[in-house]
Amino acid sequence: MRLSRIFEEKPERWGFRGDPYFWDYLKERAAQMEMISPDELEKWIKEEYFSVSGKALTDKYGDFAVVKQFAHGGMSSGGVDNLWWIDTGIPLLKSRLTAR
């Protein structure tokens, strides 16, 4: 089973406008991967975030990255919200992975 299955249902709410594009980016990459452990998933997401942004994905308040490839218009265009990924995105994906 491919890891991309845990990305099939998108969240209803996001942090910044770039978050859904980062989600899709991860889903596309995960299509080539087999299932991994929840801890490996978190590590992989953080590595991919660093790869596209050049910044660490941390829980430092207010930190975010603007990723040009995820910019499609709007005030926070291309913005990927660290806190949303730390508090919502990663825990959601880890719970889906654990449920499988």
PDB file of N, CA and C in Angstrom:
ATOM      1  N   MET A   1       0.842  -1.174   0.000  1.00  0.00           N
ATOM      2  CA  MET A   1       0.000   0.000   0.000  1.00  0.00           C
ATOM      3  C   MET A   1       0.895   1.248   0.000  1.00  0.00           C
ATOM      4  N   ARG A   2       0.541   2.219  -0.803  1.00  0.00           N
ATOM      5  CA  ARG A   2       1.324   3.439  -0.944  1.00  0.00           C
ATOM      6  C   ARG A   2       1.006   4.453   0.163  1.00  0.00           C
ATOM      7  N   LEU A   3       2.025   5.180   0.548  1.00  0.00           N
ATOM      8  CA  LEU A   3       1.895   6.188   1.595  1.00  0.00           C
ATOM      9  C   LEU A   3       0.916   7.293   1.191  1.00  0.00           C
ATOM     10  N   SER A   4       0.774   7.526  -0.085  1.00  0.00           N
ATOM     11  CA  SER A   4      -0.103   8.613  -0.559  1.00  0.00           C
ATOM     12  C   SER A   4      -1.557   8.443  -0.127  1.00  0.00           C
ATOM     13  N   ARG A   5      -1.945   7.240   0.264  1.00  0.00           N
ATOM     14  CA  ARG A   5      -3.340   7.010   0.700  1.00  0.00           C
ATOM     15  C   ARG A   5      -3.729   7.877   1.882  1.00  0.00           C
ATOM     16  N   ILE A   6      -2.778   8.184   2.760  1.00  0.00           N
ATOM     17  CA  ILE A   6      -3.121   8.984   3.947  1.00  0.00           C
ATOM     18  C   ILE A   6      -3.359  10.449   3.591  1.00  0.00           C
ATOM     19  N   PHE A   7      -3.028  10.845   2.365  1.00  0.00           N
ATOM     20  CA  PHE A   7      -3.220  12.227   1.910  1.00  0.00           C
ATOM     21  C   PHE A   7      -4.500  12.398   1.092  1.00  0.00           C
ATOM     22  N   GLU A   8      -5.246  11.330   0.877  1.00  0.00           N
ATOM     23  CA  GLU A   8      -6.392  11.398  -0.035  1.00  0.00           C
ATOM     24  C   GLU A   8      -7.455  12.395   0.403  1.00  0.00           C
ATOM     25  N   GLU A   9      -7.818  12.388   1.659  1.00  0.00           N
ATOM     26  CA  GLU A   9      -8.839  13.326   2.155  1.00  0.00           C
ATOM     27  C   GLU A   9      -8.146  14.559   2.721  1.00  0.00           C
ATOM     28  N   LYS A  10      -8.425  15.699   2.103  1.00  0.00           N
ATOM     29  CA  LYS A  10      -7.795  16.941   2.545  1.00  0.00           C
ATOM     30  C   LYS A  10      -8.533  17.531   3.753  1.00  0.00           C
ATOM     31  N   PRO A  11      -7.798  18.208   4.627  1.00  0.00           N
ATOM     32  CA  PRO A  11      -8.437  18.901   5.752  1.00  0.00           C
ATOM     33  C   PRO A  11      -9.356  20.028   5.254  1.00  0.00           C
ATOM     34  N   GLU A  12     -10.320  20.393   6.062  1.00  0.00           N
ATOM     35  CA  GLU A  12     -11.230  21.482   5.701  1.00  0.00           C
ATOM     36  C   GLU A  12     -10.594  22.848   5.928  1.00  0.00           C
ATOM     37  N   ARG A  13      -9.683  22.938   6.878  1.00  0.00           N
ATOM     38  CA  ARG A  13      -9.048  24.211   7.226  1.00  0.00           C
ATOM     39  C   ARG A  13      -7.535  24.079   7.103  1.00  0.00           C
ATOM     40  N   TRP A  14      -6.923  25.191   6.736  1.00  0.00           N
ATOM     41  CA  TRP A  14      -5.476  25.251   6.562  1.00  0.00           C
ATOM     42  C   TRP A  14      -4.933  26.433   7.350  1.00  0.00           C
ATOM     43  N   GLY A  15      -3.606  26.518   7.457  1.00  0.00           N
ATOM     44  CA  GLY A  15      -2.967  27.659   8.076  1.00  0.00           C
ATOM     45  C   GLY A  15      -2.841  28.795   7.078  1.00  0.00           C
ATOM     46  N   PHE A  16      -1.976  28.629   6.067  1.00  0.00           N
ATOM     47  CA  PHE A  16      -1.757  29.628   5.023  1.00  0.00           C
ATOM     48  C   PHE A  16      -2.117  29.043   3.664  1.00  0.00           C
ATOM     49  N   ARG A  17      -2.149  29.906   2.667  1.00  0.00           N
ATOM     50  CA  ARG A  17      -2.560  29.481   1.319  1.00  0.00           C
ATOM     51  C   ARG A  17      -1.621  28.469   0.680  1.00  0.00           C
ATOM     52  N   GLY A  18      -0.383  28.425   1.091  1.00  0.00           N
ATOM     53  CA  GLY A  18       0.557  27.465   0.521  1.00  0.00           C
ATOM     54  C   GLY A  18       0.429  26.069   1.094  1.00  0.00           C
ATOM     55  N   ASP A  19      -0.282  25.925   2.223  1.00  0.00           N
ATOM     56  CA  ASP A  19      -0.396  24.617   2.875  1.00  0.00           C
ATOM     57  C   ASP A  19      -1.039  23.542   1.990  1.00  0.00           C
ATOM     58  N   PRO A  20      -2.139  23.823   1.288  1.00  0.00           N
ATOM     59  CA  PRO A  20      -2.707  22.779   0.426  1.00  0.00           C
ATOM     60  C   PRO A  20      -1.759  22.367  -0.705  1.00  0.00           C
ATOM     61  N   TYR A  21      -0.939  23.301  -1.166  1.00  0.00           N
ATOM     62  CA  TYR A  21       0.012  22.965  -2.230  1.00  0.00           C
ATOM     63  C   TYR A  21       1.155  22.111  -1.690  1.00  0.00           C
ATOM     64  N   PHE A  22       1.568  22.391  -0.450  1.00  0.00           N
ATOM     65  CA  PHE A  22       2.579  21.536   0.180  1.00  0.00           C
ATOM     66  C   PHE A  22       1.994  20.148   0.416  1.00  0.00           C
ATOM     67  N   TRP A  23       0.735  20.071   0.821  1.00  0.00           N
ATOM     68  CA  TRP A  23       0.031  18.795   1.005  1.00  0.00           C
ATOM     69  C   TRP A  23       0.059  17.988  -0.301  1.00  0.00           C
ATOM     70  N   ASP A  24      -0.303  18.646  -1.398  1.00  0.00           N
ATOM     71  CA  ASP A  24      -0.314  17.976  -2.701  1.00  0.00           C
ATOM     72  C   ASP A  24       1.089  17.539  -3.129  1.00  0.00           C
ATOM     73  N   TYR A  25       2.070  18.377  -2.823  1.00  0.00           N
ATOM     74  CA  TYR A  25       3.462  18.044  -3.109  1.00  0.00           C
ATOM     75  C   TYR A  25       3.857  16.771  -2.365  1.00  0.00           C
ATOM     76  N   LEU A  26       3.511  16.712  -1.075  1.00  0.00           N
ATOM     77  CA  LEU A  26       3.821  15.519  -0.285  1.00  0.00           C
ATOM     78  C   LEU A  26       3.083  14.295  -0.821  1.00  0.00           C
ATOM     79  N   LYS A  27       1.821  14.469  -1.172  1.00  0.00           N
ATOM     80  CA  LYS A  27       1.033  13.356  -1.699  1.00  0.00           C
ATOM     81  C   LYS A  27       1.667  12.793  -2.971  1.00  0.00           C
ATOM     82  N   GLU A  28       2.102  13.682  -3.842  1.00  0.00           N
ATOM     83  CA  GLU A  28       2.734  13.248  -5.090  1.00  0.00           C
ATOM     84  C   GLU A  28       4.011  12.457  -4.812  1.00  0.00           C
ATOM     85  N   ARG A  29       4.815  12.944  -3.897  1.00  0.00           N
ATOM     86  CA  ARG A  29       6.049  12.237  -3.528  1.00  0.00           C
ATOM     87  C   ARG A  29       5.743  10.905  -2.853  1.00  0.00           C
ATOM     88  N   ALA A  30       4.705  10.893  -2.036  1.00  0.00           N
ATOM     89  CA  ALA A  30       4.338   9.683  -1.289  1.00  0.00           C
ATOM     90  C   ALA A  30       3.782   8.589  -2.193  1.00  0.00           C
ATOM     91  N   ALA A  31       3.367   8.947  -3.390  1.00  0.00           N
ATOM     92  CA  ALA A  31       2.836   7.950  -4.328  1.00  0.00           C
ATOM     93  C   ALA A  31       3.885   6.910  -4.705  1.00  0.00           C
ATOM     94  N   GLN A  32       5.146   7.250  -4.534  1.00  0.00           N
ATOM     95  CA  GLN A  32       6.238   6.337  -4.865  1.00  0.00           C
ATOM     96  C   GLN A  32       6.763   5.587  -3.637  1.00  0.00           C
ATOM     97  N   MET A  33       6.132   5.803  -2.478  1.00  0.00           N
ATOM     98  CA  MET A  33       6.639   5.243  -1.225  1.00  0.00           C
ATOM     99  C   MET A  33       5.680   4.219  -0.636  1.00  0.00           C
ATOM    100  N   GLU A  34       6.251   3.223  -0.006  1.00  0.00           N
ATOM    101  CA  GLU A  34       5.462   2.279   0.783  1.00  0.00           C
ATOM    102  C   GLU A  34       5.180   2.917   2.146  1.00  0.00           C
ATOM    103  N   MET A  35       4.265   2.322   2.886  1.00  0.00           N
ATOM    104  CA  MET A  35       3.941   2.819   4.222  1.00  0.00           C
ATOM    105  C   MET A  35       5.199   2.812   5.099  1.00  0.00           C
ATOM    106  N   ILE A  36       5.296   3.803   5.989  1.00  0.00           N
ATOM    107  CA  ILE A  36       6.401   3.927   6.926  1.00  0.00           C
ATOM    108  C   ILE A  36       5.821   4.125   8.321  1.00  0.00           C
ATOM    109  N   SER A  37       6.676   4.176   9.322  1.00  0.00           N
ATOM    110  CA  SER A  37       6.184   4.377  10.689  1.00  0.00           C
ATOM    111  C   SER A  37       5.781   5.839  10.885  1.00  0.00           C
ATOM    112  N   PRO A  38       4.954   6.122  11.890  1.00  0.00           N
ATOM    113  CA  PRO A  38       4.581   7.511  12.166  1.00  0.00           C
ATOM    114  C   PRO A  38       5.785   8.419  12.437  1.00  0.00           C
ATOM    115  N   ASP A  39       6.784   7.917  13.150  1.00  0.00           N
ATOM    116  CA  ASP A  39       7.975   8.733  13.417  1.00  0.00           C
ATOM    117  C   ASP A  39       8.760   8.998  12.135  1.00  0.00           C
ATOM    118  N   GLU A  40       8.849   7.997  11.273  1.00  0.00           N
ATOM    119  CA  GLU A  40       9.517   8.190   9.980  1.00  0.00           C
ATOM    120  C   GLU A  40       8.743   9.180   9.117  1.00  0.00           C
ATOM    121  N   LEU A  41       7.417   9.143   9.200  1.00  0.00           N
ATOM    122  CA  LEU A  41       6.577  10.073   8.454  1.00  0.00           C
ATOM    123  C   LEU A  41       6.880  11.509   8.875  1.00  0.00           C
ATOM    124  N   GLU A  42       6.911  11.765  10.167  1.00  0.00           N
ATOM    125  CA  GLU A  42       7.193  13.110  10.667  1.00  0.00           C
ATOM    126  C   GLU A  42       8.573  13.576  10.199  1.00  0.00           C
ATOM    127  N   LYS A  43       9.552  12.711  10.310  1.00  0.00           N
ATOM    128  CA  LYS A  43      10.905  13.043   9.868  1.00  0.00           C
ATOM    129  C   LYS A  43      10.913  13.357   8.371  1.00  0.00           C
ATOM    130  N   TRP A  44      10.230  12.552   7.579  1.00  0.00           N
ATOM    131  CA  TRP A  44      10.166  12.738   6.132  1.00  0.00           C
ATOM    132  C   TRP A  44       9.510  14.079   5.775  1.00  0.00           C
ATOM    133  N   ILE A  45       8.384  14.410   6.428  1.00  0.00           N
ATOM    134  CA  ILE A  45       7.703  15.682   6.160  1.00  0.00           C
ATOM    135  C   ILE A  45       8.633  16.855   6.473  1.00  0.00           C
ATOM    136  N   LYS A  46       9.327  16.775   7.592  1.00  0.00           N
ATOM    137  CA  LYS A  46      10.249  17.855   7.967  1.00  0.00           C
ATOM    138  C   LYS A  46      11.400  17.969   6.971  1.00  0.00           C
ATOM    139  N   GLU A  47      11.876  16.847   6.466  1.00  0.00           N
ATOM    140  CA  GLU A  47      12.937  16.874   5.452  1.00  0.00           C
ATOM    141  C   GLU A  47      12.429  17.489   4.147  1.00  0.00           C
ATOM    142  N   GLU A  48      11.212  17.148   3.748  1.00  0.00           N
ATOM    143  CA  GLU A  48      10.634  17.707   2.524  1.00  0.00           C
ATOM    144  C   GLU A  48      10.394  19.209   2.677  1.00  0.00           C
ATOM    145  N   TYR A  49       9.943  19.619   3.849  1.00  0.00           N
ATOM    146  CA  TYR A  49       9.739  21.045   4.119  1.00  0.00           C
ATOM    147  C   TYR A  49      11.058  21.802   3.965  1.00  0.00           C
ATOM    148  N   PHE A  50      12.112  21.260   4.559  1.00  0.00           N
ATOM    149  CA  PHE A  50      13.422  21.895   4.442  1.00  0.00           C
ATOM    150  C   PHE A  50      13.875  21.926   2.982  1.00  0.00           C
ATOM    151  N   SER A  51      13.605  20.859   2.254  1.00  0.00           N
ATOM    152  CA  SER A  51      13.995  20.766   0.852  1.00  0.00           C
ATOM    153  C   SER A  51      13.364  21.861  -0.001  1.00  0.00           C
ATOM    154  N   VAL A  52      12.082  22.164   0.236  1.00  0.00           N
ATOM    155  CA  VAL A  52      11.395  23.163  -0.593  1.00  0.00           C
ATOM    156  C   VAL A  52      11.543  24.589  -0.062  1.00  0.00           C
ATOM    157  N   SER A  53      11.824  24.731   1.237  1.00  0.00           N
ATOM    158  CA  SER A  53      11.836  26.074   1.832  1.00  0.00           C
ATOM    159  C   SER A  53      13.215  26.555   2.270  1.00  0.00           C
ATOM    160  N   GLY A  54      14.121  25.615   2.525  1.00  0.00           N
ATOM    161  CA  GLY A  54      15.421  25.988   3.070  1.00  0.00           C
ATOM    162  C   GLY A  54      15.379  26.334   4.542  1.00  0.00           C
ATOM    163  N   LYS A  55      14.233  26.064   5.177  1.00  0.00           N
ATOM    164  CA  LYS A  55      14.048  26.364   6.601  1.00  0.00           C
ATOM    165  C   LYS A  55      13.626  25.097   7.332  1.00  0.00           C
ATOM    166  N   ALA A  56      13.912  25.081   8.624  1.00  0.00           N
ATOM    167  CA  ALA A  56      13.473  23.960   9.456  1.00  0.00           C
ATOM    168  C   ALA A  56      11.997  24.118   9.806  1.00  0.00           C
ATOM    169  N   LEU A  57      11.287  23.022   9.856  1.00  0.00           N
ATOM    170  CA  LEU A  57       9.887  23.013  10.285  1.00  0.00           C
ATOM    171  C   LEU A  57       9.900  22.860  11.801  1.00  0.00           C
ATOM    172  N   THR A  58       9.701  23.983  12.501  1.00  0.00           N
ATOM    173  CA  THR A  58       9.755  23.997  13.960  1.00  0.00           C
ATOM    174  C   THR A  58       8.446  24.542  14.517  1.00  0.00           C
ATOM    175  N   ASP A  59       8.295  24.442  15.827  1.00  0.00           N
ATOM    176  CA  ASP A  59       7.093  24.957  16.474  1.00  0.00           C
ATOM    177  C   ASP A  59       7.304  26.372  17.014  1.00  0.00           C
ATOM    178  N   LYS A  60       8.349  27.038  16.533  1.00  0.00           N
ATOM    179  CA  LYS A  60       8.592  28.422  16.940  1.00  0.00           C
ATOM    180  C   LYS A  60       7.401  29.272  16.523  1.00  0.00           C
ATOM    181  N   TYR A  61       6.816  29.984  17.475  1.00  0.00           N
ATOM    182  CA  TYR A  61       5.597  30.745  17.233  1.00  0.00           C
ATOM    183  C   TYR A  61       5.751  31.707  16.064  1.00  0.00           C
ATOM    184  N   GLY A  62       4.815  31.647  15.161  1.00  0.00           N
ATOM    185  CA  GLY A  62       4.759  32.571  14.055  1.00  0.00           C
ATOM    186  C   GLY A  62       5.699  32.267  12.907  1.00  0.00           C
ATOM    187  N   ASP A  63       6.458  31.187  12.991  1.00  0.00           N
ATOM    188  CA  ASP A  63       7.394  30.898  11.913  1.00  0.00           C
ATOM    189  C   ASP A  63       6.661  30.257  10.739  1.00  0.00           C
ATOM    190  N   PHE A  64       7.097  30.611   9.560  1.00  0.00           N
ATOM    191  CA  PHE A  64       6.531  30.064   8.340  1.00  0.00           C
ATOM    192  C   PHE A  64       7.549  30.248   7.231  1.00  0.00           C
ATOM    193  N   ALA A  65       7.292  29.629   6.103  1.00  0.00           N
ATOM    194  CA  ALA A  65       8.146  29.793   4.926  1.00  0.00           C
ATOM    195  C   ALA A  65       7.278  30.211   3.756  1.00  0.00           C
ATOM    196  N   VAL A  66       7.838  31.020   2.903  1.00  0.00           N
ATOM    197  CA  VAL A  66       7.178  31.357   1.646  1.00  0.00           C
ATOM    198  C   VAL A  66       7.891  30.550   0.562  1.00  0.00           C
ATOM    199  N   VAL A  67       7.139  29.674  -0.087  1.00  0.00           N
ATOM    200  CA  VAL A  67       7.691  28.774  -1.094  1.00  0.00           C
ATOM    201  C   VAL A  67       7.152  29.204  -2.453  1.00  0.00           C
ATOM    202  N   LYS A  68       8.038  29.670  -3.297  1.00  0.00           N
ATOM    203  CA  LYS A  68       7.648  30.240  -4.583  1.00  0.00           C
ATOM    204  C   LYS A  68       6.792  29.279  -5.412  1.00  0.00           C
ATOM    205  N   GLN A  69       7.132  28.004  -5.416  1.00  0.00           N
ATOM    206  CA  GLN A  69       6.382  27.042  -6.231  1.00  0.00           C
ATOM    207  C   GLN A  69       4.954  26.823  -5.727  1.00  0.00           C
ATOM    208  N   PHE A  70       4.665  27.239  -4.500  1.00  0.00           N
ATOM    209  CA  PHE A  70       3.315  27.105  -3.942  1.00  0.00           C
ATOM    210  C   PHE A  70       2.546  28.424  -3.984  1.00  0.00           C
ATOM    211  N   ALA A  71       3.110  29.450  -4.594  1.00  0.00           N
ATOM    212  CA  ALA A  71       2.480  30.769  -4.663  1.00  0.00           C
ATOM    213  C   ALA A  71       1.523  30.827  -5.851  1.00  0.00           C
ATOM    214  N   HIS A  72       0.243  31.005  -5.550  1.00  0.00           N
ATOM    215  CA  HIS A  72      -0.784  31.050  -6.597  1.00  0.00           C
ATOM    216  C   HIS A  72      -1.744  32.216  -6.389  1.00  0.00           C
ATOM    217  N   GLY A  73      -1.276  33.281  -5.749  1.00  0.00           N
ATOM    218  CA  GLY A  73      -2.085  34.475  -5.550  1.00  0.00           C
ATOM    219  C   GLY A  73      -2.670  34.582  -4.157  1.00  0.00           C
ATOM    220  N   GLY A  74      -2.942  35.798  -3.751  1.00  0.00           N
ATOM    221  CA  GLY A  74      -3.528  36.048  -2.443  1.00  0.00           C
ATOM    222  C   GLY A  74      -2.500  36.574  -1.457  1.00  0.00           C
ATOM    223  N   MET A  75      -3.007  37.066  -0.338  1.00  0.00           N
ATOM    224  CA  MET A  75      -2.168  37.733   0.645  1.00  0.00           C
ATOM    225  C   MET A  75      -1.081  36.835   1.242  1.00  0.00           C
ATOM    226  N   SER A  76      -1.406  35.598   1.562  1.00  0.00           N
ATOM    227  CA  SER A  76      -0.404  34.683   2.136  1.00  0.00           C
ATOM    228  C   SER A  76       0.027  33.649   1.099  1.00  0.00           C
ATOM    229  N   SER A  77       0.016  34.052  -0.158  1.00  0.00           N
ATOM    230  CA  SER A  77       0.345  33.150  -1.258  1.00  0.00           C
ATOM    231  C   SER A  77       1.729  32.526  -1.071  1.00  0.00           C
ATOM    232  N   GLY A  78       1.780  31.224  -1.163  1.00  0.00           N
ATOM    233  CA  GLY A  78       3.041  30.508  -1.025  1.00  0.00           C
ATOM    234  C   GLY A  78       3.464  30.265   0.405  1.00  0.00           C
ATOM    235  N   GLY A  79       2.736  30.840   1.354  1.00  0.00           N
ATOM    236  CA  GLY A  79       3.083  30.670   2.761  1.00  0.00           C
ATOM    237  C   GLY A  79       2.719  29.284   3.259  1.00  0.00           C
ATOM    238  N   VAL A  80       3.666  28.643   3.912  1.00  0.00           N
ATOM    239  CA  VAL A  80       3.436  27.342   4.546  1.00  0.00           C
ATOM    240  C   VAL A  80       3.599  27.565   6.046  1.00  0.00           C
ATOM    241  N   ASP A  81       2.548  27.318   6.787  1.00  0.00           N
ATOM    242  CA  ASP A  81       2.456  27.641   8.208  1.00  0.00           C
ATOM    243  C   ASP A  81       3.024  26.519   9.076  1.00  0.00           C
ATOM    244  N   ASN A  82       4.165  26.799   9.694  1.00  0.00           N
ATOM    245  CA  ASN A  82       4.788  25.798  10.556  1.00  0.00           C
ATOM    246  C   ASN A  82       3.845  25.291  11.645  1.00  0.00           C
ATOM    247  N   LEU A  83       3.178  26.213  12.332  1.00  0.00           N
ATOM    248  CA  LEU A  83       2.325  25.793  13.451  1.00  0.00           C
ATOM    249  C   LEU A  83       1.183  24.904  12.984  1.00  0.00           C
ATOM    250  N   TRP A  84       0.617  25.181  11.807  1.00  0.00           N
ATOM    251  CA  TRP A  84      -0.449  24.323  11.313  1.00  0.00           C
ATOM    252  C   TRP A  84       0.081  22.911  11.075  1.00  0.00           C
ATOM    253  N   TRP A  85       1.265  22.808  10.498  1.00  0.00           N
ATOM    254  CA  TRP A  85       1.828  21.481  10.240  1.00  0.00           C
ATOM    255  C   TRP A  85       2.199  20.769  11.536  1.00  0.00           C
ATOM    256  N   ILE A  86       2.769  21.486  12.482  1.00  0.00           N
ATOM    257  CA  ILE A  86       3.162  20.868  13.756  1.00  0.00           C
ATOM    258  C   ILE A  86       1.934  20.467  14.575  1.00  0.00           C
ATOM    259  N   ASP A  87       0.945  21.367  14.663  1.00  0.00           N
ATOM    260  CA  ASP A  87      -0.217  21.134  15.531  1.00  0.00           C
ATOM    261  C   ASP A  87      -1.342  20.346  14.874  1.00  0.00           C
ATOM    262  N   THR A  88      -1.478  20.421  13.565  1.00  0.00           N
ATOM    263  CA  THR A  88      -2.626  19.822  12.877  1.00  0.00           C
ATOM    264  C   THR A  88      -2.230  18.825  11.793  1.00  0.00           C
ATOM    265  N   GLY A  89      -1.456  19.283  10.816  1.00  0.00           N
ATOM    266  CA  GLY A  89      -1.155  18.454   9.648  1.00  0.00           C
ATOM    267  C   GLY A  89      -0.422  17.162   9.970  1.00  0.00           C
ATOM    268  N   ILE A  90       0.699  17.275  10.658  1.00  0.00           N
ATOM    269  CA  ILE A  90       1.476  16.078  10.981  1.00  0.00           C
ATOM    270  C   ILE A  90       0.706  15.149  11.917  1.00  0.00           C
ATOM    271  N   PRO A  91       0.093  15.644  13.009  1.00  0.00           N
ATOM    272  CA  PRO A  91      -0.689  14.741  13.858  1.00  0.00           C
ATOM    273  C   PRO A  91      -1.830  14.040  13.097  1.00  0.00           C
ATOM    274  N   LEU A  92      -2.501  14.756  12.200  1.00  0.00           N
ATOM    275  CA  LEU A  92      -3.571  14.151  11.406  1.00  0.00           C
ATOM    276  C   LEU A  92      -3.032  13.017  10.547  1.00  0.00           C
ATOM    277  N   LEU A  93      -1.943  13.270   9.845  1.00  0.00           N
ATOM    278  CA  LEU A  93      -1.369  12.242   8.975  1.00  0.00           C
ATOM    279  C   LEU A  93      -0.824  11.061   9.772  1.00  0.00           C
ATOM    280  N   LYS A  94      -0.215  11.333  10.927  1.00  0.00           N
ATOM    281  CA  LYS A  94       0.257  10.243  11.772  1.00  0.00           C
ATOM    282  C   LYS A  94      -0.895   9.392  12.287  1.00  0.00           C
ATOM    283  N   SER A  95      -2.000  10.022  12.635  1.00  0.00           N
ATOM    284  CA  SER A  95      -3.156   9.245  13.115  1.00  0.00           C
ATOM    285  C   SER A  95      -3.742   8.394  11.992  1.00  0.00           C
ATOM    286  N   ARG A  96      -3.777   8.912  10.778  1.00  0.00           N
ATOM    287  CA  ARG A  96      -4.263   8.135   9.647  1.00  0.00           C
ATOM    288  C   ARG A  96      -3.335   6.951   9.378  1.00  0.00           C
ATOM    289  N   LEU A  97      -2.062   7.191   9.497  1.00  0.00           N
ATOM    290  CA  LEU A  97      -1.083   6.129   9.274  1.00  0.00           C
ATOM    291  C   LEU A  97      -1.234   5.036  10.330  1.00  0.00           C
ATOM    292  N   THR A  98      -1.399   5.437  11.564  1.00  0.00           N
ATOM    293  CA  THR A  98      -1.565   4.487  12.667  1.00  0.00           C
ATOM    294  C   THR A  98      -2.847   3.666  12.480  1.00  0.00           C
ATOM    295  N   ALA A  99      -3.895   4.296  11.982  1.00  0.00           N
ATOM    296  CA  ALA A  99      -5.182   3.607  11.774  1.00  0.00           C
ATOM    297  C   ALA A  99      -5.099   2.540  10.675  1.00  0.00           C
ATOM    298  N   ARG A 100      -4.146   2.675   9.773  1.00  0.00           N
ATOM    299  CA  ARG A 100      -3.985   1.699   8.680  1.00  0.00           C
ATOM    300  C   ARG A 100      -3.259   0.506   9.204  1.00  0.00           C
TER     301      ARG A 100
END
